[in-house]
């Protein structure tokens, strides 16, 4: 796969949980709708718990990517929207999102006042790469 992840020394990287630059050549891009912490029937998972919601979102992203032959290691960009954000939440948010992942995507975290329903504290939107099915 032609994906390169870089962390130039002149650009601060606050942790090993993100890549500052990701380039892709000749691959199929996959855009997922923003994922929240609901189960397959649409019931909220982990109300009031950022970590439980992040874990469910990781499972939802994994299932969505599997439908096109991709994994969470194939994510090249993510945007994480967080209600009631504070810096102390970083491990609770990114721990589950990075569990079992060997490649960190480029990432943006946005603190928001609310999402579409009050029980949801996180929404994660991702772009991934997938091999063509003929490959």
Protein backbone atom coordinates (compact mmCIF):
# COMPACT_ATOMS: atom_id res chain seq x y z
CA UNK A 1 0.00 0.00 0.00
CA UNK A 2 1.36 3.42 -0.87
CA UNK A 3 0.77 5.30 2.38
CA UNK A 4 3.47 7.35 4.08
CA UNK A 5 3.12 8.76 7.61
CA UNK A 6 5.50 11.49 8.72
CA UNK A 7 6.23 13.58 11.79
CA UNK A 8 8.60 16.33 10.64
CA UNK A 9 10.91 17.47 13.44
CA UNK A 10 9.94 21.12 12.81
CA UNK A 11 6.26 20.37 13.60
CA UNK A 12 5.43 19.59 17.23
CA UNK A 13 3.73 16.24 17.81
CA UNK A 14 2.04 16.22 21.23
CA UNK A 15 2.08 12.43 21.43
CA UNK A 16 2.67 9.27 19.47
CA UNK A 17 -1.09 8.97 18.96
CA UNK A 18 -1.20 11.01 15.74
CA UNK A 19 0.78 11.51 12.55
CA UNK A 20 1.27 15.10 11.44
CA UNK A 21 1.37 14.26 7.71
CA UNK A 22 -0.11 11.35 5.76
CA UNK A 23 0.27 10.94 2.00
CA UNK A 24 -1.52 8.41 -0.21
CA UNK A 25 -0.74 7.41 -3.79
CA UNK A 26 -2.90 5.33 -6.10
CA UNK A 27 -5.35 3.98 -3.52
CA UNK A 28 -9.11 4.07 -3.06
CA UNK A 29 -10.22 6.60 -0.42
CA UNK A 30 -12.98 5.62 1.99
CA UNK A 31 -14.96 8.34 3.82
CA UNK A 32 -17.05 7.26 6.80
CA UNK A 33 -19.94 9.22 8.23
CA UNK A 34 -19.31 10.48 11.73
CA UNK A 35 -19.55 7.56 14.14
CA UNK A 36 -21.11 7.83 17.59
CA UNK A 37 -21.45 5.33 20.44
CA UNK A 38 -24.54 3.42 19.41
CA UNK A 39 -24.97 -0.29 19.01
CA UNK A 40 -26.28 -2.05 15.89
CA UNK A 41 -29.87 -1.27 16.95
CA UNK A 42 -29.17 2.44 17.51
CA UNK A 43 -29.14 2.31 21.32
CA UNK A 44 -26.63 4.60 23.11
CA UNK A 45 -23.60 2.88 24.64
CA UNK A 46 -21.79 4.39 27.63
CA UNK A 47 -23.87 7.51 28.40
CA UNK A 48 -21.73 9.96 30.37
CA UNK A 49 -18.54 7.91 29.81
CA UNK A 50 -16.06 9.21 27.22
CA UNK A 51 -13.94 6.05 27.33
CA UNK A 52 -16.86 3.63 26.90
CA UNK A 53 -18.15 5.74 24.03
CA UNK A 54 -14.72 5.83 22.39
CA UNK A 55 -14.50 2.03 22.60
CA UNK A 56 -17.91 1.62 20.93
CA UNK A 57 -16.97 4.12 18.24
CA UNK A 58 -13.77 2.14 17.55
CA UNK A 59 -15.90 -1.01 17.12
CA UNK A 60 -18.29 0.82 14.79
CA UNK A 61 -15.43 2.20 12.70
CA UNK A 62 -13.85 -1.25 12.54
CA UNK A 63 -17.11 -2.80 11.29
CA UNK A 64 -17.68 -0.06 8.72
CA UNK A 65 -14.14 -0.34 7.35
CA UNK A 66 -14.33 -4.14 7.23
CA UNK A 67 -17.23 -3.76 4.78
CA UNK A 68 -14.74 -2.38 2.23
CA UNK A 69 -11.79 -4.57 3.14
CA UNK A 70 -10.01 -2.00 5.31
CA UNK A 71 -8.97 -1.88 8.98
CA UNK A 72 -8.40 0.88 11.52
CA UNK A 73 -4.70 0.77 10.53
CA UNK A 74 -5.84 2.09 7.14
CA UNK A 75 -7.24 5.31 8.62
CA UNK A 76 -5.26 8.27 7.32
CA UNK A 77 -7.31 11.17 8.79
CA UNK A 78 -9.72 11.49 11.68
CA UNK A 79 -11.68 14.31 13.22
CA UNK A 80 -12.81 13.77 16.81
CA UNK A 81 -15.61 15.95 18.17
CA UNK A 82 -15.78 15.98 21.98
CA UNK A 83 -18.47 17.34 24.31
CA UNK A 84 -17.21 18.52 27.74
CA UNK A 85 -13.59 18.26 26.61
CA UNK A 86 -10.66 18.72 28.97
CA UNK A 87 -7.04 17.67 28.33
CA UNK A 88 -7.32 14.99 31.03
CA UNK A 89 -9.71 13.10 28.71
CA UNK A 90 -7.03 12.42 26.07
CA UNK A 91 -6.18 8.88 27.32
CA UNK A 92 -9.88 7.97 27.66
CA UNK A 93 -10.59 9.18 24.13
CA UNK A 94 -7.50 8.02 22.26
CA UNK A 95 -6.76 4.84 24.24
CA UNK A 96 -9.70 2.91 22.73
CA UNK A 97 -9.30 4.56 19.32
CA UNK A 98 -5.67 3.41 19.15
CA UNK A 99 -6.07 -0.02 20.80
CA UNK A 100 -4.78 -2.67 18.41
CA UNK A 101 -3.71 -0.06 15.86
CA UNK A 102 -0.11 0.13 14.69
CA UNK A 103 -0.37 3.23 12.46
CA UNK A 104 -1.50 6.61 13.82
CA UNK A 105 -3.56 8.79 11.46
CA UNK A 106 -3.44 12.52 11.02
CA UNK A 107 -5.89 13.80 13.64
CA UNK A 108 -7.91 16.83 14.66
CA UNK A 109 -9.75 17.12 17.98
CA UNK A 110 -12.55 19.68 18.23
CA UNK A 111 -14.26 20.60 21.50
CA UNK A 112 -17.99 21.17 20.92
CA UNK A 113 -20.87 22.20 23.15
CA UNK A 114 -23.20 19.45 21.92
CA UNK A 115 -23.75 16.76 19.32
CA UNK A 116 -27.05 15.77 17.71
CA UNK A 117 -28.38 14.08 20.88
CA UNK A 118 -27.42 14.76 24.51
CA UNK A 119 -26.37 11.18 25.36
CA UNK A 120 -23.46 11.29 22.90
CA UNK A 121 -20.14 12.79 24.04
CA UNK A 122 -18.00 11.86 21.02
CA UNK A 123 -18.31 11.69 17.26
CA UNK A 124 -15.46 10.52 15.07
CA UNK A 125 -15.22 11.03 11.32
CA UNK A 126 -12.51 9.19 9.39
CA UNK A 127 -10.94 8.89 5.96
CA UNK A 128 -9.18 5.60 5.19
CA UNK A 129 -7.52 3.90 2.26
CA UNK A 130 -8.54 0.53 0.87
CA UNK A 131 -7.03 -1.65 -1.80
CA UNK A 132 -9.06 -1.99 -4.97
CA UNK A 133 -11.11 -5.16 -4.82
CA UNK A 134 -9.43 -6.42 -8.02
CA UNK A 135 -5.98 -6.17 -6.35
